[in-house]
């Protein structure tokens, strides 16, 4: 929703030409309308997705692919950690409180 405001020239102008208090008054007046519009858009999207198996599959494929790539990259960062840390990560958890 931030982008809804950030891409509108009038909000850029409001921020540049007003103090924070005035800007927030304008924002608070407008926010419920924008939030309601976004809710309606999301509701319509989810109703369509759950009623259209092809759309559901497309969304799952897209989200799953993006998630996989992000997690794959995240894991590769772990392997770049110092060797000492890697061995600690790979070890079994310490039995805290047990003797």
N, C-alpha and C. Protein backbone atom coordinates (compact mmCIF):
# COMPACT_ATOMS: atom_id res chain seq x y z
N UNK A 1 0.82 -1.18 0.00
CA UNK A 1 0.00 0.00 0.00
C UNK A 1 0.87 1.25 0.00
N UNK A 2 2.08 1.10 0.52
CA UNK A 2 3.00 2.23 0.51
C UNK A 2 3.20 2.74 -0.91
N UNK A 3 3.32 1.81 -1.87
CA UNK A 3 3.51 2.21 -3.26
C UNK A 3 2.32 2.97 -3.81
N UNK A 4 1.11 2.66 -3.31
CA UNK A 4 -0.06 3.40 -3.76
C UNK A 4 0.15 4.90 -3.54
N UNK A 5 0.77 5.24 -2.43
CA UNK A 5 1.02 6.63 -2.10
C UNK A 5 2.31 7.14 -2.72
N UNK A 6 3.34 6.32 -2.69
CA UNK A 6 4.66 6.76 -3.14
C UNK A 6 4.69 7.12 -4.62
N UNK A 7 3.82 6.52 -5.42
CA UNK A 7 3.84 6.80 -6.86
C UNK A 7 2.91 7.95 -7.25
N UNK A 8 2.19 8.49 -6.30
CA UNK A 8 1.28 9.59 -6.61
C UNK A 8 1.98 10.93 -6.38
N UNK A 9 2.00 11.77 -7.40
CA UNK A 9 2.67 13.06 -7.31
C UNK A 9 2.12 13.93 -6.19
N UNK A 10 0.80 13.83 -5.95
CA UNK A 10 0.22 14.71 -4.93
C UNK A 10 0.80 14.40 -3.55
N UNK A 11 1.10 13.13 -3.27
CA UNK A 11 1.65 12.79 -1.96
C UNK A 11 3.10 13.24 -1.84
N UNK A 12 3.83 13.19 -2.94
CA UNK A 12 5.19 13.74 -2.95
C UNK A 12 5.14 15.23 -2.64
N UNK A 13 4.20 15.90 -3.26
CA UNK A 13 4.02 17.34 -3.03
C UNK A 13 3.61 17.62 -1.59
N UNK A 14 2.68 16.83 -1.07
CA UNK A 14 2.25 17.01 0.32
C UNK A 14 3.44 16.87 1.27
N UNK A 15 4.29 15.89 1.01
CA UNK A 15 5.45 15.67 1.89
C UNK A 15 6.46 16.80 1.77
N UNK A 16 6.67 17.28 0.56
CA UNK A 16 7.67 18.33 0.34
C UNK A 16 7.21 19.70 0.85
N UNK A 17 5.91 19.93 0.84
CA UNK A 17 5.40 21.28 1.12
C UNK A 17 4.70 21.44 2.46
N UNK A 18 4.73 20.40 3.29
CA UNK A 18 4.05 20.48 4.58
C UNK A 18 4.93 19.90 5.67
N UNK A 19 4.61 20.27 6.91
CA UNK A 19 5.30 19.63 8.01
C UNK A 19 4.68 18.24 8.23
N UNK A 20 5.30 17.44 9.08
CA UNK A 20 4.85 16.08 9.32
C UNK A 20 3.41 16.03 9.84
N UNK A 21 3.08 16.92 10.74
CA UNK A 21 1.74 16.92 11.34
C UNK A 21 0.67 17.14 10.27
N UNK A 22 0.87 18.11 9.40
CA UNK A 22 -0.10 18.38 8.33
C UNK A 22 -0.17 17.20 7.37
N UNK A 23 1.00 16.68 7.00
CA UNK A 23 1.03 15.52 6.11
C UNK A 23 0.23 14.37 6.72
N UNK A 24 0.45 14.09 8.00
CA UNK A 24 -0.23 12.97 8.65
C UNK A 24 -1.75 13.20 8.71
N UNK A 25 -2.19 14.43 8.89
CA UNK A 25 -3.63 14.72 8.86
C UNK A 25 -4.22 14.39 7.49
N UNK A 26 -3.53 14.77 6.43
CA UNK A 26 -3.98 14.45 5.07
C UNK A 26 -3.98 12.94 4.84
N UNK A 27 -2.92 12.29 5.29
CA UNK A 27 -2.78 10.85 5.13
C UNK A 27 -3.88 10.11 5.88
N UNK A 28 -4.12 10.49 7.13
CA UNK A 28 -5.14 9.81 7.94
C UNK A 28 -6.53 9.99 7.35
N UNK A 29 -6.77 11.11 6.71
CA UNK A 29 -8.07 11.34 6.06
C UNK A 29 -8.25 10.41 4.85
N UNK A 30 -7.18 10.16 4.11
CA UNK A 30 -7.24 9.39 2.87
C UNK A 30 -7.08 7.88 3.09
N UNK A 31 -6.37 7.48 4.12
CA UNK A 31 -5.99 6.09 4.31
C UNK A 31 -7.17 5.11 4.35
N UNK A 32 -8.26 5.37 5.08
CA UNK A 32 -9.36 4.39 5.10
C UNK A 32 -9.91 4.07 3.72
N UNK A 33 -9.98 5.05 2.85
CA UNK A 33 -10.49 4.82 1.50
C UNK A 33 -9.54 3.91 0.72
N UNK A 34 -8.25 4.19 0.79
CA UNK A 34 -7.27 3.37 0.07
C UNK A 34 -7.23 1.96 0.64
N UNK A 35 -7.30 1.85 1.97
CA UNK A 35 -7.28 0.52 2.60
C UNK A 35 -8.50 -0.29 2.18
N UNK A 36 -9.67 0.34 2.12
CA UNK A 36 -10.89 -0.35 1.70
C UNK A 36 -10.78 -0.80 0.24
N UNK A 37 -10.21 0.04 -0.61
CA UNK A 37 -10.04 -0.34 -2.01
C UNK A 37 -9.09 -1.53 -2.14
N UNK A 38 -8.02 -1.51 -1.39
CA UNK A 38 -7.05 -2.62 -1.44
C UNK A 38 -7.70 -3.90 -0.93
N UNK A 39 -8.50 -3.80 0.13
CA UNK A 39 -9.20 -4.97 0.66
C UNK A 39 -10.12 -5.57 -0.40
N UNK A 40 -10.88 -4.71 -1.08
CA UNK A 40 -11.79 -5.18 -2.12
C UNK A 40 -11.03 -5.85 -3.27
N UNK A 41 -9.89 -5.28 -3.65
CA UNK A 41 -9.08 -5.87 -4.71
C UNK A 41 -8.57 -7.24 -4.29
N UNK A 42 -8.09 -7.35 -3.07
CA UNK A 42 -7.56 -8.62 -2.58
C UNK A 42 -8.67 -9.66 -2.44
N UNK A 43 -9.83 -9.23 -1.95
CA UNK A 43 -10.94 -10.17 -1.80
C UNK A 43 -11.35 -10.73 -3.16
N UNK A 44 -11.45 -9.86 -4.15
CA UNK A 44 -11.83 -10.31 -5.49
C UNK A 44 -10.77 -11.26 -6.06
N UNK A 45 -9.52 -10.96 -5.83
CA UNK A 45 -8.44 -11.82 -6.30
C UNK A 45 -8.54 -13.21 -5.68
N UNK A 46 -8.72 -13.28 -4.36
CA UNK A 46 -8.76 -14.58 -3.69
C UNK A 46 -10.01 -15.37 -4.05
N UNK A 47 -11.14 -14.71 -4.23
CA UNK A 47 -12.34 -15.41 -4.66
C UNK A 47 -12.10 -16.04 -6.03
N UNK A 48 -11.51 -15.27 -6.95
CA UNK A 48 -11.23 -15.79 -8.29
C UNK A 48 -10.22 -16.94 -8.22
N UNK A 49 -9.17 -16.77 -7.42
CA UNK A 49 -8.14 -17.81 -7.34
C UNK A 49 -8.71 -19.12 -6.82
N UNK A 50 -9.54 -19.07 -5.79
CA UNK A 50 -10.09 -20.30 -5.23
C UNK A 50 -11.18 -20.92 -6.09
N UNK A 51 -11.72 -20.15 -7.02
CA UNK A 51 -12.75 -20.71 -7.90
C UNK A 51 -12.20 -21.13 -9.26
N UNK A 52 -10.94 -20.83 -9.52
CA UNK A 52 -10.33 -21.14 -10.81
C UNK A 52 -9.08 -21.99 -10.60
N UNK A 53 -9.19 -23.32 -10.79
CA UNK A 53 -8.05 -24.21 -10.55
C UNK A 53 -6.79 -23.85 -11.35
N UNK A 54 -6.97 -23.37 -12.57
CA UNK A 54 -5.81 -22.99 -13.38
C UNK A 54 -5.09 -21.80 -12.78
N UNK A 55 -5.86 -20.83 -12.31
CA UNK A 55 -5.27 -19.66 -11.67
C UNK A 55 -4.56 -20.07 -10.38
N UNK A 56 -5.20 -20.95 -9.60
CA UNK A 56 -4.58 -21.43 -8.36
C UNK A 56 -3.25 -22.09 -8.67
N UNK A 57 -3.20 -22.93 -9.71
CA UNK A 57 -1.95 -23.60 -10.07
C UNK A 57 -0.89 -22.60 -10.49
N UNK A 58 -1.29 -21.60 -11.26
CA UNK A 58 -0.35 -20.58 -11.71
C UNK A 58 0.23 -19.80 -10.52
N UNK A 59 -0.62 -19.43 -9.58
CA UNK A 59 -0.16 -18.69 -8.40
C UNK A 59 0.77 -19.58 -7.56
N UNK A 60 0.39 -20.84 -7.35
CA UNK A 60 1.24 -21.75 -6.58
C UNK A 60 2.59 -21.93 -7.24
N UNK A 61 2.60 -22.12 -8.56
CA UNK A 61 3.87 -22.29 -9.29
C UNK A 61 4.75 -21.05 -9.15
N UNK A 62 4.15 -19.89 -9.29
CA UNK A 62 4.90 -18.64 -9.21
C UNK A 62 5.44 -18.40 -7.81
N UNK A 63 4.57 -18.47 -6.81
CA UNK A 63 4.98 -18.22 -5.43
C UNK A 63 5.97 -19.29 -4.97
N UNK A 64 5.70 -20.54 -5.29
CA UNK A 64 6.61 -21.60 -4.92
C UNK A 64 7.98 -21.44 -5.55
N UNK A 65 8.02 -21.04 -6.81
CA UNK A 65 9.30 -20.81 -7.49
C UNK A 65 10.09 -19.67 -6.87
N UNK A 66 9.40 -18.58 -6.58
CA UNK A 66 10.07 -17.43 -5.95
C UNK A 66 10.57 -17.81 -4.55
N UNK A 67 9.75 -18.50 -3.80
CA UNK A 67 10.15 -18.94 -2.45
C UNK A 67 11.36 -19.87 -2.51
N UNK A 68 11.34 -20.82 -3.43
CA UNK A 68 12.46 -21.74 -3.58
C UNK A 68 13.75 -20.98 -3.87
N UNK A 69 13.69 -20.04 -4.82
CA UNK A 69 14.90 -19.29 -5.18
C UNK A 69 15.42 -18.47 -4.01
N UNK A 70 14.52 -17.84 -3.27
CA UNK A 70 14.96 -17.05 -2.10
C UNK A 70 15.58 -17.94 -1.04
N UNK A 71 14.96 -19.06 -0.76
CA UNK A 71 15.49 -19.96 0.26
C UNK A 71 16.79 -20.60 -0.21
N UNK A 72 16.90 -20.89 -1.48
CA UNK A 72 18.12 -21.47 -2.02
C UNK A 72 19.27 -20.49 -1.87
N UNK A 73 19.02 -19.22 -2.16
CA UNK A 73 20.05 -18.19 -2.00
C UNK A 73 20.42 -18.04 -0.53
N UNK A 74 19.44 -18.08 0.33
CA UNK A 74 19.67 -17.93 1.76
C UNK A 74 20.57 -19.05 2.26
N UNK A 75 20.34 -20.26 1.80
CA UNK A 75 21.14 -21.40 2.22
C UNK A 75 22.57 -21.24 1.75
N UNK A 76 22.76 -20.71 0.53
CA UNK A 76 24.12 -20.55 0.02
C UNK A 76 24.90 -19.56 0.87
N UNK A 77 24.23 -18.60 1.47
CA UNK A 77 24.89 -17.65 2.36
C UNK A 77 25.42 -18.38 3.59
N UNK A 78 24.66 -19.34 4.09
CA UNK A 78 25.09 -20.10 5.26
C UNK A 78 26.41 -20.80 4.96
N UNK A 79 26.57 -21.34 3.75
CA UNK A 79 27.80 -22.05 3.40
C UNK A 79 28.99 -21.12 3.27
N UNK A 80 28.77 -19.85 3.17
CA UNK A 80 29.86 -18.90 3.09
C UNK A 80 30.35 -18.47 4.47
N UNK A 81 29.73 -18.96 5.50
CA UNK A 81 30.14 -18.63 6.86
C UNK A 81 31.46 -19.32 7.16
N UNK A 82 32.21 -18.83 8.15
CA UNK A 82 33.47 -19.47 8.51
C UNK A 82 33.27 -20.94 8.83
N UNK A 83 34.29 -21.76 8.52
CA UNK A 83 34.19 -23.20 8.70
C UNK A 83 33.85 -23.58 10.13
N UNK A 84 34.41 -22.87 11.08
CA UNK A 84 34.15 -23.16 12.49
C UNK A 84 32.66 -23.03 12.79
N UNK A 85 32.01 -22.02 12.26
CA UNK A 85 30.58 -21.82 12.48
C UNK A 85 29.78 -22.91 11.79
N UNK A 86 30.20 -23.31 10.59
CA UNK A 86 29.49 -24.37 9.87
C UNK A 86 29.49 -25.65 10.67
N UNK A 87 30.62 -25.99 11.26
CA UNK A 87 30.66 -27.24 12.01
C UNK A 87 29.75 -27.16 13.22
N UNK A 88 29.61 -25.96 13.79
CA UNK A 88 28.71 -25.80 14.93
C UNK A 88 27.26 -25.94 14.48
N UNK A 89 26.96 -25.43 13.32
CA UNK A 89 25.61 -25.51 12.79
C UNK A 89 25.24 -26.96 12.49
N UNK A 90 26.21 -27.73 12.00
CA UNK A 90 25.94 -29.10 11.59
C UNK A 90 25.88 -30.07 12.77
N UNK A 91 26.41 -29.68 13.91
CA UNK A 91 26.41 -30.57 15.07
C UNK A 91 25.01 -30.73 15.64
N UNK A 92 24.82 -31.79 16.39
CA UNK A 92 23.55 -32.01 17.06
C UNK A 92 23.38 -31.00 18.17
N UNK A 93 22.15 -30.64 18.51
CA UNK A 93 21.93 -29.67 19.58
C UNK A 93 22.51 -30.17 20.90
N UNK A 94 23.05 -29.24 21.66
CA UNK A 94 23.61 -29.59 22.98
C UNK A 94 22.49 -29.97 23.92
N UNK A 95 22.68 -31.01 24.71
CA UNK A 95 21.63 -31.43 25.65
C UNK A 95 21.66 -30.56 26.90
N UNK A 96 21.17 -29.33 26.77
CA UNK A 96 21.19 -28.39 27.90
C UNK A 96 20.44 -28.95 29.08
N UNK A 97 21.04 -28.81 30.25
CA UNK A 97 20.40 -29.24 31.48
C UNK A 97 20.51 -30.73 31.74
N UNK A 98 21.10 -31.48 30.83
CA UNK A 98 21.26 -32.93 31.01
C UNK A 98 22.71 -33.24 31.31
N UNK A 99 22.94 -34.22 32.14
CA UNK A 99 24.31 -34.61 32.47
C UNK A 99 24.57 -36.02 32.04
